[in-house]
Amino acid sequence: MKRFVWFAAMAVGAGCLFGAGEVQAQQKHQWKFVSIIPAGQDAFIDRFKELAAEITKRTSGQVEVAFYAAGELPYKAPEHLRVTGKGLIEMSEVVGSMGFGDAPPLLLGDLPFLALNDAERKILRDIMWPEIYGALRKQGVEPISWGAYPPRNIVMRNPIKGLNDIKGQKIRTAGGLESEYIKLWGAAPSFVVWGETYPATQRGVVDGVLTAAVAIETSKMYEVAPHFLKIDGPVAHFYITVNQTVWSKLSGEQQKTVKAVGDWWADRWQKLVVEDADNGAIKRMQDRGQIKSLVQVPAATHIETRKNLIPIYRSYVKDKVGPEGSMALERALTALKLQ
């Protein structure tokens, strides 16, 4: 009997020595990770799979992440923030323009043409990201990484010589502030869901399409709109989020490792998707003769467009985000020397 008591005491003592952190580290965590991108769009899907695999690898399998493309789980893109916060899914891609209904400050990352080069984009992130990450955390998720979909460009059904030629033309957009700069350029924005964009363009319901070059290539949009207007437009940001309860079950070291993977992956996404894949798509379509003409919009147009958008930014942010968003915008405009 005494021997049994001695062994029990030793077991309890060992548990105290290991501590909660080491117990957490020994637990295995299985996460499902969902994106807004459907299977088949490999330029994007391969990178999301890589993120899942790298987290699993660097945590020695203690955090095992399984990736699911859009449609493979019963959650729609605008629901991702909500279902992740509720714990229905452990990890998800939350796109700013789709999740702002639940977290309005997400809009602050996607003000078109506000930042025109890498230096300005860094200034903007330093000001806006704390607002965005704070809003995400209020929804019950922990942001671990972020990225951006490639710059918007325009493909037209008919030949064009420059930006003036789209005046009066119907241009498919995803809505929101995309519509505002299209209107500034004298065109008529027309919302069409992506799945119906190809036939709408084919039938002439719209005269052109605003989207990323890699999307033009993968959807074969060049078959119905082969004339490329390179506007080097704005990007759409997204955030990789983890349910906070799930996150809290990781040890401090595991959290540090996952965040380090997120930082590594954000740089990799920028290089392989935003730069290489999108520019590569334009070159491949040109080389194959799928793009019949390409016209570059000059940088001066971006500067003029930004100037004209500033009152629209202010009104839009005040209405959609509120006073804290307006203050963040004013700090950004000051830092960018735009006022």
Protein backbone atom coordinates (compact mmCIF):
# COMPACT_ATOMS: atom_id res chain seq x y z
CA MET A 1 0.00 0.00 0.00
CA LYS A 2 2.79 2.41 0.89
CA ARG A 3 4.49 1.58 -2.38
CA PHE A 4 1.33 2.46 -4.35
CA VAL A 5 1.01 5.79 -2.54
CA TRP A 6 4.66 6.57 -3.31
CA PHE A 7 4.17 5.92 -7.05
CA ALA A 8 1.00 8.05 -7.10
CA ALA A 9 2.81 10.92 -5.41
CA MET A 10 5.63 10.68 -7.93
CA ALA A 11 3.13 10.80 -10.83
CA VAL A 12 1.44 13.91 -9.43
CA GLY A 13 4.81 15.55 -8.88
CA ALA A 14 5.87 14.79 -12.44
CA GLY A 15 2.68 16.39 -13.72
CA CYS A 16 3.45 19.54 -11.77
CA LEU A 17 6.98 19.62 -13.11
CA PHE A 18 5.84 19.37 -16.73
CA GLY A 19 3.35 22.24 -16.35
CA ALA A 20 0.41 23.23 -18.50
CA GLY A 21 2.55 24.49 -21.36
CA GLU A 22 4.24 21.15 -21.90
CA VAL A 23 0.93 19.31 -21.68
CA GLN A 24 -0.39 21.65 -24.42
CA ALA A 25 2.68 20.94 -26.52
CA GLN A 26 2.03 17.20 -26.28
CA GLN A 27 -1.57 17.48 -27.48
CA LYS A 28 -2.32 16.95 -31.16
CA HIS A 29 -4.51 19.58 -32.80
CA GLN A 30 -6.42 18.93 -36.03
CA TRP A 31 -7.61 21.95 -37.98
CA LYS A 32 -9.76 22.30 -41.06
CA PHE A 33 -8.78 25.29 -43.23
CA VAL A 34 -11.12 26.65 -45.90
CA SER A 35 -10.49 29.16 -48.70
CA ILE A 36 -12.78 31.16 -50.98
CA ILE A 37 -11.01 29.73 -54.05
CA PRO A 38 -12.54 26.70 -55.82
CA ALA A 39 -10.50 23.69 -56.88
CA GLY A 40 -8.79 24.10 -60.24
CA GLN A 41 -7.32 27.57 -59.69
CA ASP A 42 -3.93 26.11 -58.91
CA ALA A 43 -2.01 29.40 -58.80
CA PHE A 44 -3.90 30.12 -55.57
CA ILE A 45 -4.82 26.65 -54.33
CA ASP A 46 -1.23 25.39 -54.35
CA ARG A 47 -0.16 28.22 -52.04
CA PHE A 48 -2.97 27.55 -49.54
CA LYS A 49 -2.07 23.87 -49.51
CA GLU A 50 1.53 24.88 -48.91
CA LEU A 51 0.54 26.96 -45.87
CA ALA A 52 -1.37 24.02 -44.38
CA ALA A 53 1.53 21.64 -45.02
CA GLU A 54 4.15 24.01 -43.61
CA ILE A 55 2.27 24.55 -40.34
CA THR A 56 1.94 20.78 -39.98
CA LYS A 57 5.64 20.27 -40.77
CA ARG A 58 7.08 22.98 -38.52
CA THR A 59 4.97 21.89 -35.55
CA SER A 60 6.15 18.30 -36.08
CA GLY A 61 2.58 17.23 -36.77
CA GLN A 62 1.26 18.58 -33.47
CA VAL A 63 -0.88 21.07 -35.41
CA GLU A 64 -2.21 19.12 -38.37
CA VAL A 65 -3.93 21.36 -40.93
CA ALA A 66 -6.17 19.93 -43.67
CA PHE A 67 -7.01 22.31 -46.53
CA TYR A 68 -10.41 22.55 -48.23
CA ALA A 69 -11.17 24.52 -51.38
CA ALA A 70 -14.38 26.53 -51.75
CA GLY A 71 -17.41 24.27 -52.04
CA GLU A 72 -15.83 21.35 -50.21
CA LEU A 73 -17.29 22.48 -46.88
CA PRO A 74 -20.77 23.97 -46.36
CA TYR A 75 -19.57 27.55 -45.76
CA LYS A 76 -19.83 30.43 -48.20
CA ALA A 77 -17.06 33.03 -48.51
CA PRO A 78 -18.96 35.89 -46.78
CA GLU A 79 -19.59 33.55 -43.81
CA HIS A 80 -15.98 32.62 -43.15
CA LEU A 81 -15.32 35.16 -40.41
CA ARG A 82 -18.56 34.32 -38.63
CA VAL A 83 -18.22 30.53 -38.74
CA THR A 84 -14.57 30.65 -37.70
CA GLY A 85 -15.38 32.92 -34.76
CA LYS A 86 -18.08 30.47 -33.68
CA GLY A 87 -15.70 27.52 -33.95
CA LEU A 88 -17.56 25.74 -36.76
CA ILE A 89 -14.25 25.73 -38.65
CA GLU A 90 -10.83 26.08 -37.09
CA MET A 91 -9.08 28.17 -39.77
CA SER A 92 -10.24 30.19 -42.75
CA GLU A 93 -9.40 32.77 -45.38
CA VAL A 94 -11.36 35.97 -44.71
CA VAL A 95 -11.46 38.39 -47.64
CA GLY A 96 -11.80 42.02 -46.60
CA SER A 97 -14.44 42.92 -49.16
CA MET A 98 -16.53 39.89 -48.13
CA GLY A 99 -16.13 40.03 -44.35
CA PHE A 100 -16.59 43.74 -43.69
CA GLY A 101 -20.26 43.27 -42.83
CA ASP A 102 -19.12 41.56 -39.62
CA ALA A 103 -15.95 43.62 -39.17
CA PRO A 104 -16.23 47.00 -40.99
CA PRO A 105 -12.54 48.02 -40.47
CA LEU A 106 -11.59 45.32 -43.01
CA LEU A 107 -12.49 47.95 -45.62
CA LEU A 108 -9.47 50.02 -44.57
CA GLY A 109 -7.06 47.65 -46.30
CA ASP A 110 -8.74 47.96 -49.70
CA LEU A 111 -9.11 51.66 -50.48
CA PRO A 112 -8.28 51.69 -54.21
CA PHE A 113 -5.21 53.61 -55.39
CA LEU A 114 -4.56 55.03 -51.91
CA ALA A 115 -1.07 53.50 -51.92
CA LEU A 116 0.74 53.53 -55.27
CA ASN A 117 4.07 51.85 -54.54
CA ASP A 118 5.69 49.44 -52.06
CA ALA A 119 6.86 52.19 -49.71
CA GLU A 120 3.36 53.69 -49.53
CA ARG A 121 1.81 50.25 -49.07
CA LYS A 122 4.03 49.65 -46.03
CA ILE A 123 3.00 53.01 -44.55
CA LEU A 124 -0.62 52.06 -45.06
CA ARG A 125 -0.22 48.62 -43.47
CA ASP A 126 1.51 50.08 -40.42
CA ILE A 127 -1.52 52.31 -39.83
CA MET A 128 -4.41 50.14 -40.97
CA TRP A 129 -3.38 46.63 -39.90
CA PRO A 130 -3.74 47.29 -36.13
CA GLU A 131 -7.31 48.46 -36.81
CA ILE A 132 -8.04 45.43 -38.99
CA TYR A 133 -6.47 42.88 -36.64
CA GLY A 134 -8.28 44.42 -33.67
CA ALA A 135 -11.60 44.09 -35.51
CA LEU A 136 -10.87 40.45 -36.37
CA ARG A 137 -10.05 39.62 -32.74
CA LYS A 138 -13.36 41.14 -31.63
CA GLN A 139 -15.03 38.54 -33.84
CA GLY A 140 -13.35 35.67 -32.00
CA VAL A 141 -10.48 34.92 -34.38
CA GLU A 142 -6.71 35.31 -34.29
CA PRO A 143 -5.07 36.56 -37.52
CA ILE A 144 -1.93 34.57 -38.36
CA SER A 145 -1.14 35.82 -41.87
CA TRP A 146 -2.42 37.92 -44.74
CA GLY A 147 -2.11 38.29 -48.48
CA ALA A 148 -3.54 40.12 -51.46
CA TYR A 149 -5.02 38.99 -54.72
CA PRO A 150 -3.20 40.40 -57.76
CA PRO A 151 -3.90 43.88 -59.15
CA ARG A 152 -7.09 44.46 -61.07
CA ASN A 153 -6.86 45.05 -64.80
CA ILE A 154 -9.49 45.36 -67.53
CA VAL A 155 -10.12 43.23 -70.61
CA MET A 156 -12.46 44.54 -73.30
CA ARG A 157 -14.47 42.90 -76.06
CA ASN A 158 -13.42 45.50 -78.64
CA PRO A 159 -10.07 47.21 -79.40
CA ILE A 160 -9.13 50.28 -77.35
CA LYS A 161 -6.34 52.85 -77.61
CA GLY A 162 -6.44 54.12 -74.03
CA LEU A 163 -8.50 54.80 -70.93
CA ASN A 164 -10.69 57.34 -72.72
CA ASP A 165 -12.08 54.56 -74.89
CA ILE A 166 -13.92 52.92 -71.99
CA LYS A 167 -16.13 55.98 -71.46
CA GLY A 168 -19.76 54.95 -71.69
CA GLN A 169 -18.81 51.26 -71.71
CA LYS A 170 -20.28 48.73 -69.26
CA ILE A 171 -17.49 47.25 -67.11
CA ARG A 172 -18.07 44.26 -64.87
CA THR A 173 -16.91 44.93 -61.29
CA ALA A 174 -17.34 43.18 -57.95
CA GLY A 175 -19.08 46.28 -56.56
CA GLY A 176 -18.02 48.50 -53.66
CA LEU A 177 -15.27 51.04 -54.26
CA GLU A 178 -14.30 49.30 -57.51
CA SER A 179 -17.36 50.94 -59.00
CA GLU A 180 -16.24 54.40 -57.87
CA TYR A 181 -13.04 54.65 -59.87
CA ILE A 182 -14.70 53.05 -62.88
CA LYS A 183 -17.26 55.89 -62.73
CA LEU A 184 -14.47 58.47 -62.37
CA TRP A 185 -13.10 57.18 -65.67
CA GLY A 186 -16.49 57.70 -67.35
CA ALA A 187 -17.48 54.05 -67.65
CA ALA A 188 -20.58 52.35 -66.25
CA PRO A 189 -19.87 49.76 -63.55
CA SER A 190 -22.02 46.65 -63.78
CA PHE A 191 -22.09 43.98 -61.07
CA VAL A 192 -22.08 40.40 -62.36
CA VAL A 193 -21.31 37.38 -60.19
CA TRP A 194 -18.06 35.75 -61.31
CA GLY A 195 -19.67 32.50 -62.46
CA GLU A 196 -21.83 34.43 -64.96
CA THR A 197 -19.17 36.86 -66.17
CA TYR A 198 -17.94 34.84 -69.16
CA PRO A 199 -21.39 34.38 -70.78
CA ALA A 200 -22.36 37.97 -69.93
CA THR A 201 -19.27 39.23 -71.73
CA GLN A 202 -19.81 36.83 -74.63
CA ARG A 203 -23.37 38.13 -75.13
CA GLY A 204 -22.38 41.79 -74.77
CA VAL A 205 -24.25 42.30 -71.50
CA VAL A 206 -20.97 43.92 -70.41
CA ASP A 207 -18.29 45.41 -72.65
CA GLY A 208 -15.35 44.65 -70.37
CA VAL A 209 -14.28 42.87 -67.20
CA LEU A 210 -12.28 44.18 -64.24
CA THR A 211 -10.28 41.36 -62.62
CA ALA A 212 -6.76 39.98 -62.13
CA ALA A 213 -4.71 38.73 -65.07
CA VAL A 214 -4.35 35.25 -63.62
CA ALA A 215 -8.15 35.03 -63.34
CA ILE A 216 -8.47 36.14 -66.97
CA GLU A 217 -6.14 33.30 -67.96
CA THR A 218 -7.66 30.53 -65.84
CA SER A 219 -11.24 31.45 -66.82
CA LYS A 220 -10.28 31.87 -70.51
CA MET A 221 -11.90 35.30 -70.45
CA TYR A 222 -9.54 36.29 -73.27
CA GLU A 223 -11.74 34.23 -75.62
CA VAL A 224 -14.53 36.81 -75.34
CA ALA A 225 -12.52 39.88 -74.24
CA PRO A 226 -9.05 39.78 -75.83
CA HIS A 227 -8.09 43.46 -75.54
CA PHE A 228 -6.11 44.20 -72.38
CA LEU A 229 -6.11 47.57 -70.59
CA LYS A 230 -3.32 47.38 -68.01
CA ILE A 231 -4.48 49.74 -65.26
CA ASP A 232 -2.26 48.15 -62.54
CA GLY A 233 -5.25 48.56 -60.29
CA PRO A 234 -5.89 47.91 -56.62
CA VAL A 235 -5.53 44.58 -54.86
CA ALA A 236 -8.01 42.77 -52.61
CA HIS A 237 -6.60 41.77 -49.22
CA PHE A 238 -7.42 38.64 -47.27
CA TYR A 239 -6.52 37.44 -43.78
CA ILE A 240 -5.80 33.94 -42.54
CA THR A 241 -7.66 33.50 -39.25
CA VAL A 242 -7.85 30.86 -36.52
CA ASN A 243 -10.66 30.44 -33.99
CA GLN A 244 -9.51 31.98 -30.69
CA THR A 245 -10.53 29.02 -28.53
CA VAL A 246 -8.59 26.69 -30.81
CA TRP A 247 -5.66 29.13 -30.76
CA SER A 248 -5.65 29.27 -26.96
CA LYS A 249 -5.15 25.50 -26.79
CA LEU A 250 -1.71 25.81 -28.39
CA SER A 251 1.38 26.26 -26.27
CA GLY A 252 3.19 29.59 -26.48
CA GLU A 253 5.93 27.96 -28.54
CA GLN A 254 3.40 26.48 -30.97
CA GLN A 255 1.71 29.86 -31.38
CA LYS A 256 5.08 31.44 -32.09
CA THR A 257 5.84 28.76 -34.68
CA VAL A 258 2.49 29.16 -36.45
CA LYS A 259 2.89 32.96 -36.59
CA ALA A 260 6.42 32.52 -38.01
CA VAL A 261 5.00 30.27 -40.74
CA GLY A 262 2.37 32.94 -41.45
CA ASP A 263 5.04 35.63 -41.89
CA TRP A 264 7.10 33.36 -44.17
CA TRP A 265 4.04 32.46 -46.21
CA ALA A 266 2.87 36.09 -46.63
CA ASP A 267 6.19 36.95 -48.32
CA ARG A 268 5.99 33.81 -50.44
CA TRP A 269 2.42 34.58 -51.56
CA GLN A 270 3.49 38.08 -52.62
CA LYS A 271 6.36 36.72 -54.70
CA LEU A 272 4.74 33.64 -56.25
CA VAL A 273 1.17 34.89 -56.74
CA VAL A 274 1.02 38.69 -56.84
CA GLU A 275 4.27 39.11 -58.79
CA ASP A 276 5.22 35.92 -60.63
CA ALA A 277 1.84 34.31 -61.34
CA ASP A 278 0.04 37.47 -62.43
CA ASN A 279 2.85 38.86 -64.58
CA GLY A 280 3.43 35.36 -65.90
CA ALA A 281 -0.22 35.10 -66.91
CA ILE A 282 0.03 38.28 -68.99
CA LYS A 283 3.19 37.06 -70.72
CA ARG A 284 1.75 33.62 -71.44
CA MET A 285 -1.45 35.07 -72.91
CA GLN A 286 0.60 37.43 -75.09
CA ASP A 287 2.94 34.67 -76.24
CA ARG A 288 -0.01 32.46 -77.21
CA GLY A 289 -1.78 35.28 -79.04
CA GLN A 290 -4.70 35.14 -76.62
CA ILE A 291 -4.35 38.85 -75.88
CA LYS A 292 -4.87 40.71 -79.15
CA SER A 293 -3.71 44.11 -77.86
CA LEU A 294 -2.31 45.60 -74.65
CA VAL A 295 -2.45 49.25 -73.60
CA GLN A 296 -0.67 50.54 -70.48
CA VAL A 297 -2.36 53.26 -68.40
CA PRO A 298 0.28 55.86 -67.36
CA ALA A 299 1.25 56.38 -63.71
CA ALA A 300 -0.03 59.96 -63.87
CA THR A 301 -3.54 58.54 -64.22
CA HIS A 302 -3.16 56.74 -60.87
CA ILE A 303 -2.09 59.95 -59.15
CA GLU A 304 -5.02 61.90 -60.59
CA THR A 305 -7.45 59.08 -59.76
CA ARG A 306 -6.25 58.99 -56.13
CA LYS A 307 -6.69 62.74 -55.80
CA ASN A 308 -10.26 62.50 -57.04
CA LEU A 309 -11.02 59.51 -54.81
CA ILE A 310 -10.00 61.15 -51.51
CA PRO A 311 -13.44 62.74 -50.84
CA ILE A 312 -15.02 59.39 -51.71
CA TYR A 313 -12.69 57.55 -49.28
CA ARG A 314 -13.72 59.94 -46.51
CA SER A 315 -17.44 59.58 -47.13
CA TYR A 316 -17.27 55.81 -47.60
CA VAL A 317 -15.18 55.15 -44.48
CA LYS A 318 -17.30 57.47 -42.33
CA ASP A 319 -20.45 55.67 -43.46
CA LYS A 320 -19.18 52.07 -43.38
CA VAL A 321 -16.57 52.04 -40.60
CA GLY A 322 -17.33 55.00 -38.35
CA PRO A 323 -15.23 57.51 -36.38
CA GLU A 324 -12.30 55.19 -35.60
CA GLY A 325 -12.00 54.30 -39.28
CA SER A 326 -12.10 57.97 -40.24
CA MET A 327 -9.30 58.75 -37.79
CA ALA A 328 -7.18 55.95 -39.21
CA LEU A 329 -7.81 57.23 -42.74
CA GLU A 330 -6.76 60.76 -41.78
CA ARG A 331 -3.55 59.40 -40.21
CA ALA A 332 -2.86 57.54 -43.44
CA LEU A 333 -3.50 60.58 -45.62
CA THR A 334 -1.13 62.62 -43.43
CA ALA A 335 1.57 59.92 -43.48
CA LEU A 336 1.27 59.68 -47.27
CA LYS A 337 1.52 63.50 -47.50
CA LEU A 338 -1.84 63.75 -49.21
CA GLN A 339 -3.13 66.58 -47.01
